[in-house]
PDB file of N, CA and C in Angstrom:
ATOM      1  N   MET A   1     -18.293 -82.179 -40.383  1.00  0.00           N
ATOM      2  CA  MET A   1     -17.524 -82.293 -39.111  1.00  0.00           C
ATOM      3  C   MET A   1     -18.190 -83.466 -38.308  1.00  0.00           C
ATOM      4  N   PHE A   2     -19.614 -83.444 -38.198  1.00  0.00           N
ATOM      5  CA  PHE A   2     -20.076 -84.431 -37.535  1.00  0.00           C
ATOM      6  C   PHE A   2     -19.821 -85.928 -37.857  1.00  0.00           C
ATOM      7  N   LYS A   3     -19.824 -85.958 -39.308  1.00  0.00           N
ATOM      8  CA  LYS A   3     -19.461 -87.363 -39.826  1.00  0.00           C
ATOM      9  C   LYS A   3     -18.176 -87.797 -39.320  1.00  0.00           C
ATOM     10  N   ILE A   4     -17.211 -86.830 -39.429  1.00  0.00           N
ATOM     11  CA  ILE A   4     -15.799 -87.356 -39.079  1.00  0.00           C
ATOM     12  C   ILE A   4     -15.831 -87.737 -37.533  1.00  0.00           C
ATOM     13  N   LEU A   5     -16.499 -87.196 -36.582  1.00  0.00           N
ATOM     14  CA  LEU A   5     -16.696 -87.466 -35.257  1.00  0.00           C
ATOM     15  C   LEU A   5     -17.273 -88.698 -35.026  1.00  0.00           C
ATOM     16  N   ILE A   6     -18.476 -88.810 -35.761  1.00  0.00           N
ATOM     17  CA  ILE A   6     -19.247 -90.221 -35.613  1.00  0.00           C
ATOM     18  C   ILE A   6     -18.426 -91.250 -36.099  1.00  0.00           C
ATOM     19  N   PHE A   7     -17.594 -91.232 -37.231  1.00  0.00           N
ATOM     20  CA  PHE A   7     -16.947 -92.235 -37.818  1.00  0.00           C
ATOM     21  C   PHE A   7     -15.814 -92.556 -36.831  1.00  0.00           C
ATOM     22  N   THR A   8     -15.107 -91.598 -36.199  1.00  0.00           N
ATOM     23  CA  THR A   8     -14.005 -91.836 -35.287  1.00  0.00           C
ATOM     24  C   THR A   8     -14.473 -92.536 -34.086  1.00  0.00           C
ATOM     25  N   SER A   9     -15.511 -92.032 -33.483  1.00  0.00           N
ATOM     26  CA  SER A   9     -16.005 -92.743 -32.327  1.00  0.00           C
ATOM     27  C   SER A   9     -16.398 -94.033 -32.477  1.00  0.00           C
ATOM     28  N   LEU A  10     -17.137 -94.242 -33.635  1.00  0.00           N
ATOM     29  CA  LEU A  10     -17.670 -95.584 -33.909  1.00  0.00           C
ATOM     30  C   LEU A  10     -16.535 -96.548 -34.217  1.00  0.00           C
ATOM     31  N   SER A  11     -15.428 -96.044 -34.886  1.00  0.00           N
ATOM     32  CA  SER A  11     -14.254 -96.957 -35.162  1.00  0.00           C
ATOM     33  C   SER A  11     -13.534 -97.331 -33.850  1.00  0.00           C
ATOM     34  N   LEU A  12     -13.443 -96.416 -32.822  1.00  0.00           N
ATOM     35  CA  LEU A  12     -12.911 -96.900 -31.706  1.00  0.00           C
ATOM     36  C   LEU A  12     -13.819 -97.748 -30.830  1.00  0.00           C
ATOM     37  N   SER A  13     -15.108 -97.637 -30.860  1.00  0.00           N
ATOM     38  CA  SER A  13     -16.025 -98.557 -30.352  1.00  0.00           C
ATOM     39  C   SER A  13     -15.899-100.004 -30.908  1.00  0.00           C
ATOM     40  N   LEU A  14     -15.861-100.081 -32.207  1.00  0.00           N
ATOM     41  CA  LEU A  14     -15.488-101.353 -32.888  1.00  0.00           C
ATOM     42  C   LEU A  14     -14.280-102.043 -32.509  1.00  0.00           C
ATOM     43  N   ILE A  15     -13.220-101.093 -32.510  1.00  0.00           N
ATOM     44  CA  ILE A  15     -11.896-101.779 -31.989  1.00  0.00           C
ATOM     45  C   ILE A  15     -12.075-102.238 -30.456  1.00  0.00           C
ATOM     46  N   GLY A  16     -12.653-101.373 -29.756  1.00  0.00           N
ATOM     47  CA  GLY A  16     -12.877-101.965 -28.391  1.00  0.00           C
ATOM     48  C   GLY A  16     -13.786-103.282 -28.192  1.00  0.00           C
ATOM     49  N   PHE A  17     -14.644-103.505 -29.085  1.00  0.00           N
ATOM     50  CA  PHE A  17     -15.510-104.695 -29.071  1.00  0.00           C
ATOM     51  C   PHE A  17     -14.736-105.776 -29.782  1.00  0.00           C
ATOM     52  N   LEU A  18     -13.949-105.462 -30.768  1.00  0.00           N
ATOM     53  CA  LEU A  18     -13.283-106.627 -31.360  1.00  0.00           C
ATOM     54  C   LEU A  18     -12.312-107.245 -30.455  1.00  0.00           C
ATOM     55  N   PHE A  19     -11.642-106.380 -29.615  1.00  0.00           N
ATOM     56  CA  PHE A  19     -10.577-106.988 -28.761  1.00  0.00           C
ATOM     57  C   PHE A  19     -11.143-106.969 -27.221  1.00  0.00           C
ATOM     58  N   SER A  20     -12.410-107.555 -27.203  1.00  0.00           N
ATOM     59  CA  SER A  20     -12.970-107.635 -25.805  1.00  0.00           C
ATOM     60  C   SER A  20     -12.278-108.498 -24.885  1.00  0.00           C
ATOM     61  N   GLY A  21     -11.487-109.505 -25.372  1.00  0.00           N
ATOM     62  CA  GLY A  21     -10.824-110.341 -24.429  1.00  0.00           C
ATOM     63  C   GLY A  21      -9.687-109.697 -23.700  1.00  0.00           C
ATOM     64  N   ILE A  22      -9.152-108.516 -24.242  1.00  0.00           N
ATOM     65  CA  ILE A  22      -8.306-107.782 -23.631  1.00  0.00           C
ATOM     66  C   ILE A  22      -8.901-106.811 -22.542  1.00  0.00           C
ATOM     67  N   LYS A  23      -8.213-106.660 -21.489  1.00  0.00           N
ATOM     68  CA  LYS A  23      -8.800-105.663 -20.553  1.00  0.00           C
ATOM     69  C   LYS A  23      -8.682-104.261 -21.122  1.00  0.00           C
ATOM     70  N   ARG A  24      -9.782-103.563 -21.318  1.00  0.00           N
ATOM     71  CA  ARG A  24      -9.839-102.250 -21.896  1.00  0.00           C
ATOM     72  C   ARG A  24     -10.134-101.310 -20.832  1.00  0.00           C
ATOM     73  N   PRO A  25      -9.982 -99.967 -21.087  1.00  0.00           N
ATOM     74  CA  PRO A  25     -10.181 -98.825 -20.332  1.00  0.00           C
ATOM     75  C   PRO A  25     -11.830 -98.838 -20.078  1.00  0.00           C
ATOM     76  N   HIS A  26     -12.175 -98.372 -18.702  1.00  0.00           N
ATOM     77  CA  HIS A  26     -13.587 -98.357 -18.464  1.00  0.00           C
ATOM     78  C   HIS A  26     -14.330 -97.453 -19.403  1.00  0.00           C
ATOM     79  N   TRP A  27     -13.825 -96.291 -19.820  1.00  0.00           N
ATOM     80  CA  TRP A  27     -14.339 -95.182 -20.661  1.00  0.00           C
ATOM     81  C   TRP A  27     -14.752 -95.722 -21.923  1.00  0.00           C
ATOM     82  N   MET A  28     -14.103 -96.799 -22.453  1.00  0.00           N
ATOM     83  CA  MET A  28     -14.507 -97.396 -23.739  1.00  0.00           C
ATOM     84  C   MET A  28     -15.790 -97.940 -23.777  1.00  0.00           C
ATOM     85  N   ASN A  29     -16.328 -98.335 -22.630  1.00  0.00           N
ATOM     86  CA  ASN A  29     -17.697 -98.925 -22.479  1.00  0.00           C
ATOM     87  C   ASN A  29     -18.797 -97.771 -22.900  1.00  0.00           C
ATOM     88  N   PHE A  30     -18.348 -96.545 -22.693  1.00  0.00           N
ATOM     89  CA  PHE A  30     -19.341 -95.451 -22.844  1.00  0.00           C
ATOM     90  C   PHE A  30     -19.065 -94.738 -24.249  1.00  0.00           C
ATOM     91  N   LEU A  31     -18.099 -95.186 -25.091  1.00  0.00           N
ATOM     92  CA  LEU A  31     -17.832 -94.713 -26.347  1.00  0.00           C
ATOM     93  C   LEU A  31     -18.962 -94.800 -27.214  1.00  0.00           C
ATOM     94  N   SER A  32     -19.698 -95.979 -27.252  1.00  0.00           N
ATOM     95  CA  SER A  32     -20.895 -96.092 -28.281  1.00  0.00           C
ATOM     96  C   SER A  32     -22.041 -95.117 -27.750  1.00  0.00           C
ATOM     97  N   GLY A  33     -22.029 -94.906 -26.439  1.00  0.00           N
ATOM     98  CA  GLY A  33     -23.192 -93.842 -26.097  1.00  0.00           C
ATOM     99  C   GLY A  33     -22.747 -92.467 -26.629  1.00  0.00           C
ATOM    100  N   LEU A  34     -21.390 -92.209 -26.734  1.00  0.00           N
ATOM    101  CA  LEU A  34     -21.098 -90.901 -27.272  1.00  0.00           C
ATOM    102  C   LEU A  34     -21.292 -90.898 -28.793  1.00  0.00           C
ATOM    103  N   THR A  35     -21.143 -92.123 -29.394  1.00  0.00           N
ATOM    104  CA  THR A  35     -21.365 -91.974 -30.739  1.00  0.00           C
ATOM    105  C   THR A  35     -22.864 -91.795 -31.152  1.00  0.00           C
ATOM    106  N   VAL A  36     -23.780 -92.403 -30.259  1.00  0.00           N
ATOM    107  CA  VAL A  36     -25.165 -92.166 -30.435  1.00  0.00           C
ATOM    108  C   VAL A  36     -25.691 -90.678 -29.998  1.00  0.00           C
ATOM    109  N   PHE A  37     -24.974 -90.254 -29.109  1.00  0.00           N
ATOM    110  CA  PHE A  37     -25.256 -88.769 -28.769  1.00  0.00           C
ATOM    111  C   PHE A  37     -24.796 -87.821 -29.968  1.00  0.00           C
ATOM    112  N   LEU A  38     -23.595 -88.141 -30.608  1.00  0.00           N
ATOM    113  CA  LEU A  38     -23.290 -87.446 -31.905  1.00  0.00           C
ATOM    114  C   LEU A  38     -24.142 -87.700 -33.138  1.00  0.00           C
ATOM    115  N   ILE A  39     -24.740 -88.761 -33.090  1.00  0.00           N
ATOM    116  CA  ILE A  39     -25.670 -89.115 -34.196  1.00  0.00           C
ATOM    117  C   ILE A  39     -26.933 -88.351 -34.026  1.00  0.00           C
ATOM    118  N   VAL A  40     -27.363 -88.222 -32.740  1.00  0.00           N
ATOM    119  CA  VAL A  40     -28.610 -87.481 -32.489  1.00  0.00           C
ATOM    120  C   VAL A  40     -28.466 -85.753 -32.744  1.00  0.00           C
ATOM    121  N   ILE A  41     -27.162 -85.375 -32.503  1.00  0.00           N
ATOM    122  CA  ILE A  41     -26.898 -83.974 -32.639  1.00  0.00           C
ATOM    123  C   ILE A  41     -26.700 -83.947 -34.185  1.00  0.00           C
ATOM    124  N   HIS A  42     -26.271 -84.851 -34.959  1.00  0.00           N
ATOM    125  CA  HIS A  42     -26.101 -84.829 -36.412  1.00  0.00           C
ATOM    126  C   HIS A  42     -27.480 -84.729 -36.992  1.00  0.00           C
ATOM    127  N   LEU A  43     -28.385 -85.536 -36.535  1.00  0.00           N
ATOM    128  CA  LEU A  43     -29.791 -85.634 -36.930  1.00  0.00           C
ATOM    129  C   LEU A  43     -30.527 -84.338 -36.864  1.00  0.00           C
ATOM    130  N   ILE A  44     -30.192 -83.685 -35.658  1.00  0.00           N
ATOM    131  CA  ILE A  44     -31.066 -82.473 -35.356  1.00  0.00           C
ATOM    132  C   ILE A  44     -30.546 -81.234 -36.270  1.00  0.00           C
ATOM    133  N   PHE A  45     -29.269 -81.114 -36.316  1.00  0.00           N
ATOM    134  CA  PHE A  45     -28.596 -80.039 -37.077  1.00  0.00           C
ATOM    135  C   PHE A  45     -28.519 -80.169 -38.561  1.00  0.00           C
ATOM    136  N   VAL A  46     -28.080 -81.410 -39.062  1.00  0.00           N
ATOM    137  CA  VAL A  46     -27.838 -81.572 -40.404  1.00  0.00           C
ATOM    138  C   VAL A  46     -28.909 -82.474 -41.118  1.00  0.00           C
ATOM    139  N   LYS A  47     -29.711 -83.098 -40.428  1.00  0.00           N
ATOM    140  CA  LYS A  47     -30.806 -83.905 -40.804  1.00  0.00           C
ATOM    141  C   LYS A  47     -30.094 -85.237 -41.147  1.00  0.00           C
ATOM    142  N   TYR A  48     -30.959 -86.320 -41.543  1.00  0.00           N
ATOM    143  CA  TYR A  48     -30.355 -87.551 -41.828  1.00  0.00           C
ATOM    144  C   TYR A  48     -30.002 -87.533 -43.206  1.00  0.00           C
ATOM    145  N   GLN A  49     -28.918 -88.470 -43.598  1.00  0.00           N
ATOM    146  CA  GLN A  49     -28.537 -88.685 -44.945  1.00  0.00           C
ATOM    147  C   GLN A  49     -28.691 -90.240 -45.262  1.00  0.00           C
ATOM    148  N   TRP A  50     -28.955 -90.500 -46.316  1.00  0.00           N
ATOM    149  CA  TRP A  50     -29.146 -91.967 -46.553  1.00  0.00           C
ATOM    150  C   TRP A  50     -27.845 -92.641 -46.634  1.00  0.00           C
ATOM    151  N   GLN A  51     -26.762 -92.006 -47.024  1.00  0.00           N
ATOM    152  CA  GLN A  51     -25.408 -92.645 -47.013  1.00  0.00           C
ATOM    153  C   GLN A  51     -25.001 -92.934 -45.686  1.00  0.00           C
ATOM    154  N   MET A  52     -25.620 -92.385 -44.600  1.00  0.00           N
ATOM    155  CA  MET A  52     -25.192 -92.764 -43.244  1.00  0.00           C
ATOM    156  C   MET A  52     -25.959 -93.794 -42.375  1.00  0.00           C
ATOM    157  N   ILE A  53     -26.995 -94.231 -43.298  1.00  0.00           N
ATOM    158  CA  ILE A  53     -27.908 -95.265 -42.475  1.00  0.00           C
ATOM    159  C   ILE A  53     -27.094 -96.497 -42.081  1.00  0.00           C
ATOM    160  N   PRO A  54     -26.066 -97.080 -42.737  1.00  0.00           N
ATOM    161  CA  PRO A  54     -25.380 -98.241 -42.211  1.00  0.00           C
ATOM    162  C   PRO A  54     -24.725 -97.684 -40.846  1.00  0.00           C
ATOM    163  N   ILE A  55     -24.273 -96.593 -40.766  1.00  0.00           N
ATOM    164  CA  ILE A  55     -23.579 -96.287 -39.611  1.00  0.00           C
ATOM    165  C   ILE A  55     -24.534 -95.934 -38.427  1.00  0.00           C
ATOM    166  N   TYR A  56     -25.806 -95.440 -38.771  1.00  0.00           N
ATOM    167  CA  TYR A  56     -26.717 -95.272 -37.785  1.00  0.00           C
ATOM    168  C   TYR A  56     -27.144 -96.650 -37.162  1.00  0.00           C
ATOM    169  N   ILE A  57     -27.260 -97.518 -38.068  1.00  0.00           N
ATOM    170  CA  ILE A  57     -27.613 -99.075 -37.608  1.00  0.00           C
ATOM    171  C   ILE A  57     -26.549 -99.574 -36.845  1.00  0.00           C
ATOM    172  N   LEU A  58     -25.422 -99.537 -37.228  1.00  0.00           N
ATOM    173  CA  LEU A  58     -24.216-100.154 -36.547  1.00  0.00           C
ATOM    174  C   LEU A  58     -24.057 -99.449 -35.199  1.00  0.00           C
ATOM    175  N   ALA A  59     -24.151 -98.222 -35.137  1.00  0.00           N
ATOM    176  CA  ALA A  59     -23.958 -97.542 -33.864  1.00  0.00           C
ATOM    177  C   ALA A  59     -25.092 -97.907 -32.886  1.00  0.00           C
ATOM    178  N   SER A  60     -26.302 -98.070 -33.439  1.00  0.00           N
ATOM    179  CA  SER A  60     -27.423 -98.392 -32.476  1.00  0.00           C
ATOM    180  C   SER A  60     -27.179 -99.899 -31.791  1.00  0.00           C
ATOM    181  N   ILE A  61     -26.731-100.703 -32.849  1.00  0.00           N
ATOM    182  CA  ILE A  61     -26.358-102.188 -32.336  1.00  0.00           C
ATOM    183  C   ILE A  61     -25.299-102.188 -31.325  1.00  0.00           C
ATOM    184  N   LEU A  62     -24.164-101.450 -31.593  1.00  0.00           N
ATOM    185  CA  LEU A  62     -23.202-101.411 -30.629  1.00  0.00           C
ATOM    186  C   LEU A  62     -23.569-100.713 -29.338  1.00  0.00           C
ATOM    187  N   PHE A  63     -24.506 -99.577 -29.506  1.00  0.00           N
ATOM    188  CA  PHE A  63     -25.014 -99.141 -28.183  1.00  0.00           C
ATOM    189  C   PHE A  63     -25.846-100.077 -27.219  1.00  0.00           C
ATOM    190  N   ILE A  64     -26.644-100.777 -27.916  1.00  0.00           N
ATOM    191  CA  ILE A  64     -27.516-101.786 -27.221  1.00  0.00           C
ATOM    192  C   ILE A  64     -26.426-102.952 -26.652  1.00  0.00           C
ATOM    193  N   ILE A  65     -25.436-103.373 -27.177  1.00  0.00           N
ATOM    194  CA  ILE A  65     -24.529-104.334 -26.852  1.00  0.00           C
ATOM    195  C   ILE A  65     -23.710-103.836 -25.677  1.00  0.00           C
ATOM    196  N   SER A  66     -23.282-102.581 -25.734  1.00  0.00           N
ATOM    197  CA  SER A  66     -22.731-101.959 -24.599  1.00  0.00           C
ATOM    198  C   SER A  66     -23.478-101.813 -23.407  1.00  0.00           C
ATOM    199  N   ILE A  67     -24.872-101.408 -23.545  1.00  0.00           N
ATOM    200  CA  ILE A  67     -25.711-101.120 -22.585  1.00  0.00           C
ATOM    201  C   ILE A  67     -25.880-102.605 -21.636  1.00  0.00           C
ATOM    202  N   ILE A  68     -25.935-103.583 -22.548  1.00  0.00           N
ATOM    203  CA  ILE A  68     -26.108-104.998 -21.764  1.00  0.00           C
ATOM    204  C   ILE A  68     -24.806-105.292 -21.208  1.00  0.00           C
ATOM    205  N   SER A  69     -23.723-105.112 -21.737  1.00  0.00           N
ATOM    206  CA  SER A  69     -22.283-105.261 -21.207  1.00  0.00           C
ATOM    207  C   SER A  69     -22.195-104.684 -19.834  1.00  0.00           C
ATOM    208  N   ILE A  70     -22.606-103.299 -19.748  1.00  0.00           N
ATOM    209  CA  ILE A  70     -22.600-102.594 -18.521  1.00  0.00           C
ATOM    210  C   ILE A  70     -23.368-103.091 -17.442  1.00  0.00           C
ATOM    211  N   ILE A  71     -24.539-103.437 -17.812  1.00  0.00           N
ATOM    212  CA  ILE A  71     -25.551-104.003 -16.845  1.00  0.00           C
ATOM    213  C   ILE A  71     -24.934-105.319 -16.173  1.00  0.00           C
ATOM    214  N   ARG A  72     -24.572-106.154 -17.100  1.00  0.00           N
ATOM    215  CA  ARG A  72     -23.953-107.481 -16.670  1.00  0.00           C
ATOM    216  C   ARG A  72     -22.770-107.292 -15.792  1.00  0.00           C
ATOM    217  N   ILE A  73     -21.845-106.200 -15.946  1.00  0.00           N
ATOM    218  CA  ILE A  73     -20.738-105.917 -15.136  1.00  0.00           C
ATOM    219  C   ILE A  73     -21.215-105.414 -13.883  1.00  0.00           C
ATOM    220  N   LYS A  74     -22.223-104.590 -13.746  1.00  0.00           N
ATOM    221  CA  LYS A  74     -22.755-104.059 -12.562  1.00  0.00           C
ATOM    222  C   LYS A  74     -23.335-105.309 -11.687  1.00  0.00           C
ATOM    223  N   ARG A  75     -24.018-106.113 -12.431  1.00  0.00           N
ATOM    224  CA  ARG A  75     -24.679-107.331 -11.578  1.00  0.00           C
ATOM    225  C   ARG A  75     -23.600-108.280 -10.945  1.00  0.00           C
ATOM    226  N   ILE A  76     -22.572-108.457 -11.878  1.00  0.00           N
ATOM    227  CA  ILE A  76     -21.319-109.244 -11.298  1.00  0.00           C
ATOM    228  C   ILE A  76     -20.703-108.505 -10.061  1.00  0.00           C
ATOM    229  N   LYS A  77     -20.503-107.290 -10.157  1.00  0.00           N
ATOM    230  CA  LYS A  77     -19.831-106.377  -8.951  1.00  0.00           C
ATOM    231  C   LYS A  77     -20.846-106.681  -7.757  1.00  0.00           C
ATOM    232  N   ILE A  78     -22.032-106.359  -7.969  1.00  0.00           N
ATOM    233  CA  ILE A  78     -22.964-106.459  -6.892  1.00  0.00           C
ATOM    234  C   ILE A  78     -23.014-107.823  -6.261  1.00  0.00           C
ATOM    235  N   GLU A  79     -22.924-108.842  -6.975  1.00  0.00           N
ATOM    236  CA  GLU A  79     -22.869-110.265  -6.422  1.00  0.00           C
ATOM    237  C   GLU A  79     -21.513-110.629  -5.699  1.00  0.00           C
ATOM    238  N   ILE A  80     -20.568-109.983  -6.138  1.00  0.00           N
ATOM    239  CA  ILE A  80     -19.244-110.143  -5.589  1.00  0.00           C
ATOM    240  C   ILE A  80     -19.245-109.570  -4.154  1.00  0.00           C
ATOM    241  N   LEU A  81     -19.846-108.239  -4.205  1.00  0.00           N
ATOM    242  CA  LEU A  81     -19.848-107.445  -2.926  1.00  0.00           C
ATOM    243  C   LEU A  81     -20.739-108.227  -1.930  1.00  0.00           C
ATOM    244  N   LYS A  82     -21.842-108.719  -2.425  1.00  0.00           N
ATOM    245  CA  LYS A  82     -22.874-109.472  -1.477  1.00  0.00           C
ATOM    246  C   LYS A  82     -22.038-110.683  -0.894  1.00  0.00           C
ATOM    247  N   GLU A  83     -21.354-111.490  -1.687  1.00  0.00           N
ATOM    248  CA  GLU A  83     -20.748-112.637  -1.161  1.00  0.00           C
ATOM    249  C   GLU A  83     -19.572-112.316  -0.243  1.00  0.00           C
ATOM    250  N   ASP A  84     -18.935-111.178  -0.444  1.00  0.00           N
ATOM    251  CA  ASP A  84     -17.896-110.695   0.450  1.00  0.00           C
ATOM    252  C   ASP A  84     -18.547-110.367   1.968  1.00  0.00           C
ATOM    253  N   HIS A  85     -19.659-109.647   1.780  1.00  0.00           N
ATOM    254  CA  HIS A  85     -20.316-109.205   2.970  1.00  0.00           C
ATOM    255  C   HIS A  85     -20.799-110.394   3.573  1.00  0.00           C
ATOM    256  N   ILE A  86     -21.379-111.336   3.113  1.00  0.00           N
ATOM    257  CA  ILE A  86     -21.938-112.613   3.854  1.00  0.00           C
ATOM    258  C   ILE A  86     -20.673-113.378   4.320  1.00  0.00           C
ATOM    259  N   ASN A  87     -19.531-113.421   3.604  1.00  0.00           N
ATOM    260  CA  ASN A  87     -18.423-114.184   4.171  1.00  0.00           C
ATOM    261  C   ASN A  87     -17.847-113.434   5.437  1.00  0.00           C
ATOM    262  N   LYS A  88     -17.914-112.057   5.549  1.00  0.00           N
ATOM    263  CA  LYS A  88     -17.331-111.520   6.711  1.00  0.00           C
ATOM    264  C   LYS A  88     -18.305-111.640   7.645  1.00  0.00           C
ATOM    265  N   ILE A  89     -19.650-111.675   7.509  1.00  0.00           N
ATOM    266  CA  ILE A  89     -20.468-111.888   8.669  1.00  0.00           C
ATOM    267  C   ILE A  89     -20.382-113.246   9.280  1.00  0.00           C
ATOM    268  N   GLY A  90     -20.111-114.318   8.313  1.00  0.00           N
ATOM    269  CA  GLY A  90     -20.181-115.529   8.661  1.00  0.00           C
ATOM    270  C   GLY A  90     -18.957-116.041   9.340  1.00  0.00           C
ATOM    271  N   SER A  91     -17.763-115.388   9.243  1.00  0.00           N
ATOM    272  CA  SER A  91     -16.603-115.759  10.002  1.00  0.00           C
ATOM    273  C   SER A  91     -16.370-114.963  11.251  1.00  0.00           C
TER     274      SER A  91
END
């Protein structure tokens, strides 16, 4: 059961990253986090399986990329808010 959930969430994450030029829902940024969470639960209850190592690696890479993306989006939003605030004070 965990394998199917991991594979499904990983597939949706990959689809989201492949179509990154298209505006995607905000929750898709957190889908790779869900995949990592499912992998951790899988490792605790089922133990690791060598057949799943490529999926573990791919999920880890996508998780790191999504964290970087979320941080970058937050920085851009903060900069925009600062500029708006400065413009309102200056006018």
